[in-house]
């Protein structure tokens, strides 16, 4: 598991999540730990390295 940092699209706080970079593509919804709003995450990894991390408001 790797700690990844992002900016919440609702409260603009710097927050982190844990992600398994052995999976090449992941999409899931998790609440912001600061403001509790739902965020849709899209993570792409290659060779255990982060390629892309998107954190978007749910439904955007």
PDB file of N, CA and C in Angstrom:
ATOM      1  N   UNK A   1       0.854  -1.186   0.000  1.00  0.00           N
ATOM      2  CA  UNK A   1       0.000   0.000   0.000  1.00  0.00           C
ATOM      3  C   UNK A   1       0.894   1.242   0.000  1.00  0.00           C
ATOM      4  N   UNK A   2       0.486   2.204  -0.780  1.00  0.00           N
ATOM      5  CA  UNK A   2       1.209   3.465  -0.872  1.00  0.00           C
ATOM      6  C   UNK A   2       0.300   4.600  -0.412  1.00  0.00           C
ATOM      7  N   UNK A   3       0.856   5.568   0.275  1.00  0.00           N
ATOM      8  CA  UNK A   3       0.106   6.751   0.668  1.00  0.00           C
ATOM      9  C   UNK A   3       0.174   7.752  -0.475  1.00  0.00           C
ATOM     10  N   UNK A   4      -1.005   8.144  -0.972  1.00  0.00           N
ATOM     11  CA  UNK A   4      -1.103   9.106  -2.064  1.00  0.00           C
ATOM     12  C   UNK A   4      -1.781  10.371  -1.548  1.00  0.00           C
ATOM     13  N   UNK A   5      -1.305  11.502  -1.982  1.00  0.00           N
ATOM     14  CA  UNK A   5      -1.843  12.780  -1.525  1.00  0.00           C
ATOM     15  C   UNK A   5      -2.650  13.437  -2.639  1.00  0.00           C
ATOM     16  N   UNK A   6      -3.740  14.085  -2.250  1.00  0.00           N
ATOM     17  CA  UNK A   6      -4.608  14.780  -3.198  1.00  0.00           C
ATOM     18  C   UNK A   6      -5.237  15.983  -2.505  1.00  0.00           C
ATOM     19  N   UNK A   7      -5.855  16.847  -3.290  1.00  0.00           N
ATOM     20  CA  UNK A   7      -6.594  17.986  -2.759  1.00  0.00           C
ATOM     21  C   UNK A   7      -8.081  17.686  -2.895  1.00  0.00           C
ATOM     22  N   UNK A   8      -8.810  17.777  -1.805  1.00  0.00           N
ATOM     23  CA  UNK A   8     -10.245  17.514  -1.823  1.00  0.00           C
ATOM     24  C   UNK A   8     -10.934  18.521  -2.745  1.00  0.00           C
ATOM     25  N   UNK A   9     -11.787  18.043  -3.674  1.00  0.00           N
ATOM     26  CA  UNK A   9     -12.472  18.959  -4.581  1.00  0.00           C
ATOM     27  C   UNK A   9     -13.597  19.757  -3.922  1.00  0.00           C
ATOM     28  N   UNK A  10     -13.911  19.452  -2.671  1.00  0.00           N
ATOM     29  CA  UNK A  10     -14.955  20.176  -1.948  1.00  0.00           C
ATOM     30  C   UNK A  10     -14.372  21.204  -0.985  1.00  0.00           C
ATOM     31  N   UNK A  11     -13.502  20.751  -0.075  1.00  0.00           N
ATOM     32  CA  UNK A  11     -12.989  21.649   0.979  1.00  0.00           C
ATOM     33  C   UNK A  11     -11.567  22.132   0.685  1.00  0.00           C
ATOM     34  N   UNK A  12     -10.948  21.610  -0.384  1.00  0.00           N
ATOM     35  CA  UNK A  12      -9.612  21.999  -0.839  1.00  0.00           C
ATOM     36  C   UNK A  12      -8.505  21.726   0.186  1.00  0.00           C
ATOM     37  N   UNK A  13      -8.778  20.808   1.110  1.00  0.00           N
ATOM     38  CA  UNK A  13      -7.758  20.392   2.071  1.00  0.00           C
ATOM     39  C   UNK A  13      -6.816  19.389   1.414  1.00  0.00           C
ATOM     40  N   UNK A  14      -5.576  19.396   1.841  1.00  0.00           N
ATOM     41  CA  UNK A  14      -4.636  18.370   1.428  1.00  0.00           C
ATOM     42  C   UNK A  14      -4.885  17.129   2.259  1.00  0.00           C
ATOM     43  N   UNK A  15      -5.201  16.011   1.603  1.00  0.00           N
ATOM     44  CA  UNK A  15      -5.579  14.784   2.289  1.00  0.00           C
ATOM     45  C   UNK A  15      -4.814  13.625   1.645  1.00  0.00           C
ATOM     46  N   UNK A  16      -4.776  12.483   2.315  1.00  0.00           N
ATOM     47  CA  UNK A  16      -4.112  11.316   1.733  1.00  0.00           C
ATOM     48  C   UNK A  16      -5.024  10.101   1.787  1.00  0.00           C
ATOM     49  N   UNK A  17      -4.748   9.155   0.892  1.00  0.00           N
ATOM     50  CA  UNK A  17      -5.427   7.863   0.867  1.00  0.00           C
ATOM     51  C   UNK A  17      -4.361   6.782   0.726  1.00  0.00           C
ATOM     52  N   UNK A  18      -4.727   5.565   1.032  1.00  0.00           N
ATOM     53  CA  UNK A  18      -3.840   4.421   0.795  1.00  0.00           C
ATOM     54  C   UNK A  18      -4.334   3.689  -0.445  1.00  0.00           C
ATOM     55  N   UNK A  19      -3.404   3.362  -1.346  1.00  0.00           N
ATOM     56  CA  UNK A  19      -3.775   2.671  -2.577  1.00  0.00           C
ATOM     57  C   UNK A  19      -2.831   1.513  -2.835  1.00  0.00           C
ATOM     58  N   UNK A  20      -3.366   0.459  -3.409  1.00  0.00           N
ATOM     59  CA  UNK A  20      -2.598  -0.712  -3.786  1.00  0.00           C
ATOM     60  C   UNK A  20      -2.144  -0.531  -5.236  1.00  0.00           C
ATOM     61  N   UNK A  21      -0.886  -0.180  -5.432  1.00  0.00           N
ATOM     62  CA  UNK A  21      -0.379   0.102  -6.771  1.00  0.00           C
ATOM     63  C   UNK A  21      -0.044  -1.159  -7.561  1.00  0.00           C
ATOM     64  N   UNK A  22      -0.309  -2.338  -6.995  1.00  0.00           N
ATOM     65  CA  UNK A  22      -0.140  -3.570  -7.772  1.00  0.00           C
ATOM     66  C   UNK A  22      -1.318  -3.769  -8.728  1.00  0.00           C
ATOM     67  N   UNK A  23      -2.402  -3.033  -8.517  1.00  0.00           N
ATOM     68  CA  UNK A  23      -3.547  -3.064  -9.422  1.00  0.00           C
ATOM     69  C   UNK A  23      -3.353  -1.994 -10.489  1.00  0.00           C
ATOM     70  N   UNK A  24      -3.460  -2.330 -11.781  1.00  0.00           N
ATOM     71  CA  UNK A  24      -3.184  -1.342 -12.822  1.00  0.00           C
ATOM     72  C   UNK A  24      -4.216  -0.221 -12.897  1.00  0.00           C
ATOM     73  N   UNK A  25      -5.488  -0.518 -12.631  1.00  0.00           N
ATOM     74  CA  UNK A  25      -6.534   0.506 -12.672  1.00  0.00           C
ATOM     75  C   UNK A  25      -7.513   0.292 -11.533  1.00  0.00           C
ATOM     76  N   UNK A  26      -7.881   1.399 -10.893  1.00  0.00           N
ATOM     77  CA  UNK A  26      -8.846   1.340  -9.796  1.00  0.00           C
ATOM     78  C   UNK A  26      -9.797   2.517  -9.912  1.00  0.00           C
ATOM     79  N   UNK A  27     -11.060   2.283  -9.614  1.00  0.00           N
ATOM     80  CA  UNK A  27     -12.060   3.344  -9.495  1.00  0.00           C
ATOM     81  C   UNK A  27     -12.907   3.027  -8.281  1.00  0.00           C
ATOM     82  N   UNK A  28     -13.037   3.978  -7.395  1.00  0.00           N
ATOM     83  CA  UNK A  28     -13.876   3.757  -6.221  1.00  0.00           C
ATOM     84  C   UNK A  28     -14.274   5.090  -5.615  1.00  0.00           C
ATOM     85  N   UNK A  29     -15.209   5.045  -4.685  1.00  0.00           N
ATOM     86  CA  UNK A  29     -15.713   6.240  -4.005  1.00  0.00           C
ATOM     87  C   UNK A  29     -15.350   6.139  -2.533  1.00  0.00           C
ATOM     88  N   UNK A  30     -14.824   7.226  -2.015  1.00  0.00           N
ATOM     89  CA  UNK A  30     -14.461   7.302  -0.603  1.00  0.00           C
ATOM     90  C   UNK A  30     -14.755   8.719  -0.116  1.00  0.00           C
ATOM     91  N   UNK A  31     -15.186   8.843   1.124  1.00  0.00           N
ATOM     92  CA  UNK A  31     -15.475  10.163   1.687  1.00  0.00           C
ATOM     93  C   UNK A  31     -14.189  10.877   2.100  1.00  0.00           C
ATOM     94  N   UNK A  32     -14.178  12.192   1.936  1.00  0.00           N
ATOM     95  CA  UNK A  32     -13.059  13.005   2.414  1.00  0.00           C
ATOM     96  C   UNK A  32     -12.991  12.883   3.932  1.00  0.00           C
ATOM     97  N   UNK A  33     -11.802  12.679   4.465  1.00  0.00           N
ATOM     98  CA  UNK A  33     -11.674  12.531   5.916  1.00  0.00           C
ATOM     99  C   UNK A  33     -11.856  13.845   6.657  1.00  0.00           C
ATOM    100  N   UNK A  34     -11.829  14.960   5.950  1.00  0.00           N
ATOM    101  CA  UNK A  34     -12.023  16.259   6.599  1.00  0.00           C
ATOM    102  C   UNK A  34     -13.469  16.733   6.536  1.00  0.00           C
ATOM    103  N   UNK A  35     -14.062  16.738   5.315  1.00  0.00           N
ATOM    104  CA  UNK A  35     -15.405  17.305   5.165  1.00  0.00           C
ATOM    105  C   UNK A  35     -16.494  16.251   4.944  1.00  0.00           C
ATOM    106  N   UNK A  36     -16.108  14.992   4.786  1.00  0.00           N
ATOM    107  CA  UNK A  36     -17.021  13.848   4.656  1.00  0.00           C
ATOM    108  C   UNK A  36     -17.830  13.815   3.358  1.00  0.00           C
ATOM    109  N   UNK A  37     -17.489  14.622   2.360  1.00  0.00           N
ATOM    110  CA  UNK A  37     -18.165  14.559   1.070  1.00  0.00           C
ATOM    111  C   UNK A  37     -17.591  13.419   0.236  1.00  0.00           C
ATOM    112  N   UNK A  38     -18.425  12.795  -0.626  1.00  0.00           N
ATOM    113  CA  UNK A  38     -17.963  11.650  -1.419  1.00  0.00           C
ATOM    114  C   UNK A  38     -17.098  12.087  -2.602  1.00  0.00           C
ATOM    115  N   UNK A  39     -15.985  11.385  -2.784  1.00  0.00           N
ATOM    116  CA  UNK A  39     -15.032  11.680  -3.852  1.00  0.00           C
ATOM    117  C   UNK A  39     -14.868  10.430  -4.699  1.00  0.00           C
ATOM    118  N   UNK A  40     -14.891  10.597  -6.014  1.00  0.00           N
ATOM    119  CA  UNK A  40     -14.647   9.497  -6.931  1.00  0.00           C
ATOM    120  C   UNK A  40     -13.169   9.486  -7.295  1.00  0.00           C
ATOM    121  N   UNK A  41     -12.490   8.391  -6.984  1.00  0.00           N
ATOM    122  CA  UNK A  41     -11.063   8.257  -7.266  1.00  0.00           C
ATOM    123  C   UNK A  41     -10.862   7.370  -8.478  1.00  0.00           C
ATOM    124  N   UNK A  42      -9.934   7.783  -9.336  1.00  0.00           N
ATOM    125  CA  UNK A  42      -9.488   6.978 -10.469  1.00  0.00           C
ATOM    126  C   UNK A  42      -7.971   6.943 -10.390  1.00  0.00           C
ATOM    127  N   UNK A  43      -7.432   5.740 -10.217  1.00  0.00           N
ATOM    128  CA  UNK A  43      -5.994   5.570 -10.029  1.00  0.00           C
ATOM    129  C   UNK A  43      -5.469   4.636 -11.111  1.00  0.00           C
ATOM    130  N   UNK A  44      -4.395   5.046 -11.756  1.00  0.00           N
ATOM    131  CA  UNK A  44      -3.729   4.211 -12.748  1.00  0.00           C
ATOM    132  C   UNK A  44      -2.284   4.023 -12.299  1.00  0.00           C
ATOM    133  N   UNK A  45      -1.840   2.766 -12.297  1.00  0.00           N
ATOM    134  CA  UNK A  45      -0.475   2.428 -11.885  1.00  0.00           C
ATOM    135  C   UNK A  45       0.161   1.525 -12.933  1.00  0.00           C
ATOM    136  N   UNK A  46       1.475   1.607 -13.013  1.00  0.00           N
ATOM    137  CA  UNK A  46       2.237   0.754 -13.918  1.00  0.00           C
ATOM    138  C   UNK A  46       3.545   0.396 -13.237  1.00  0.00           C
ATOM    139  N   UNK A  47       3.855  -0.899 -13.190  1.00  0.00           N
ATOM    140  CA  UNK A  47       5.083  -1.373 -12.544  1.00  0.00           C
ATOM    141  C   UNK A  47       5.220  -0.849 -11.114  1.00  0.00           C
ATOM    142  N   UNK A  48       4.108  -0.889 -10.383  1.00  0.00           N
ATOM    143  CA  UNK A  48       4.049  -0.452  -8.979  1.00  0.00           C
ATOM    144  C   UNK A  48       4.340   1.033  -8.788  1.00  0.00           C
ATOM    145  N   UNK A  49       4.212   1.820  -9.861  1.00  0.00           N
ATOM    146  CA  UNK A  49       4.421   3.268  -9.798  1.00  0.00           C
ATOM    147  C   UNK A  49       3.122   3.971 -10.190  1.00  0.00           C
ATOM    148  N   UNK A  50       2.809   5.043  -9.491  1.00  0.00           N
ATOM    149  CA  UNK A  50       1.622   5.827  -9.798  1.00  0.00           C
ATOM    150  C   UNK A  50       1.794   6.529 -11.138  1.00  0.00           C
ATOM    151  N   UNK A  51       0.827   6.365 -12.015  1.00  0.00           N
ATOM    152  CA  UNK A  51       0.816   7.055 -13.308  1.00  0.00           C
ATOM    153  C   UNK A  51      -0.156   8.231 -13.241  1.00  0.00           C
ATOM    154  N   UNK A  52      -1.336   7.997 -12.647  1.00  0.00           N
ATOM    155  CA  UNK A  52      -2.358   9.038 -12.615  1.00  0.00           C
ATOM    156  C   UNK A  52      -3.251   8.855 -11.387  1.00  0.00           C
ATOM    157  N   UNK A  53      -3.606   9.977 -10.776  1.00  0.00           N
ATOM    158  CA  UNK A  53      -4.550   9.989  -9.662  1.00  0.00           C
ATOM    159  C   UNK A  53      -5.526  11.128  -9.914  1.00  0.00           C
ATOM    160  N   UNK A  54      -6.812  10.787 -10.036  1.00  0.00           N
ATOM    161  CA  UNK A  54      -7.860  11.790 -10.178  1.00  0.00           C
ATOM    162  C   UNK A  54      -8.784  11.688  -8.974  1.00  0.00           C
ATOM    163  N   UNK A  55      -9.096  12.828  -8.391  1.00  0.00           N
ATOM    164  CA  UNK A  55     -10.033  12.909  -7.277  1.00  0.00           C
ATOM    165  C   UNK A  55     -11.076  13.941  -7.653  1.00  0.00           C
ATOM    166  N   UNK A  56     -12.274  13.460  -8.019  1.00  0.00           N
ATOM    167  CA  UNK A  56     -13.328  14.324  -8.530  1.00  0.00           C
ATOM    168  C   UNK A  56     -14.542  14.275  -7.629  1.00  0.00           C
ATOM    169  N   UNK A  57     -15.322  15.379  -7.587  1.00  0.00           N
ATOM    170  CA  UNK A  57     -16.580  15.329  -6.845  1.00  0.00           C
ATOM    171  C   UNK A  57     -17.488  14.248  -7.440  1.00  0.00           C
ATOM    172  N   UNK A  58     -18.236  13.579  -6.634  1.00  0.00           N
ATOM    173  CA  UNK A  58     -19.091  12.498  -7.089  1.00  0.00           C
ATOM    174  C   UNK A  58     -20.096  13.033  -8.112  1.00  0.00           C
ATOM    175  N   UNK A  59     -20.177  12.347  -9.261  1.00  0.00           N
ATOM    176  CA  UNK A  59     -21.153  12.730 -10.281  1.00  0.00           C
ATOM    177  C   UNK A  59     -20.641  13.772 -11.256  1.00  0.00           C
ATOM    178  N   UNK A  60     -19.387  14.146 -11.176  1.00  0.00           N
ATOM    179  CA  UNK A  60     -18.833  15.161 -12.087  1.00  0.00           C
ATOM    180  C   UNK A  60     -18.185  14.541 -13.289  1.00  0.00           C
TER     181      UNK A  60
END
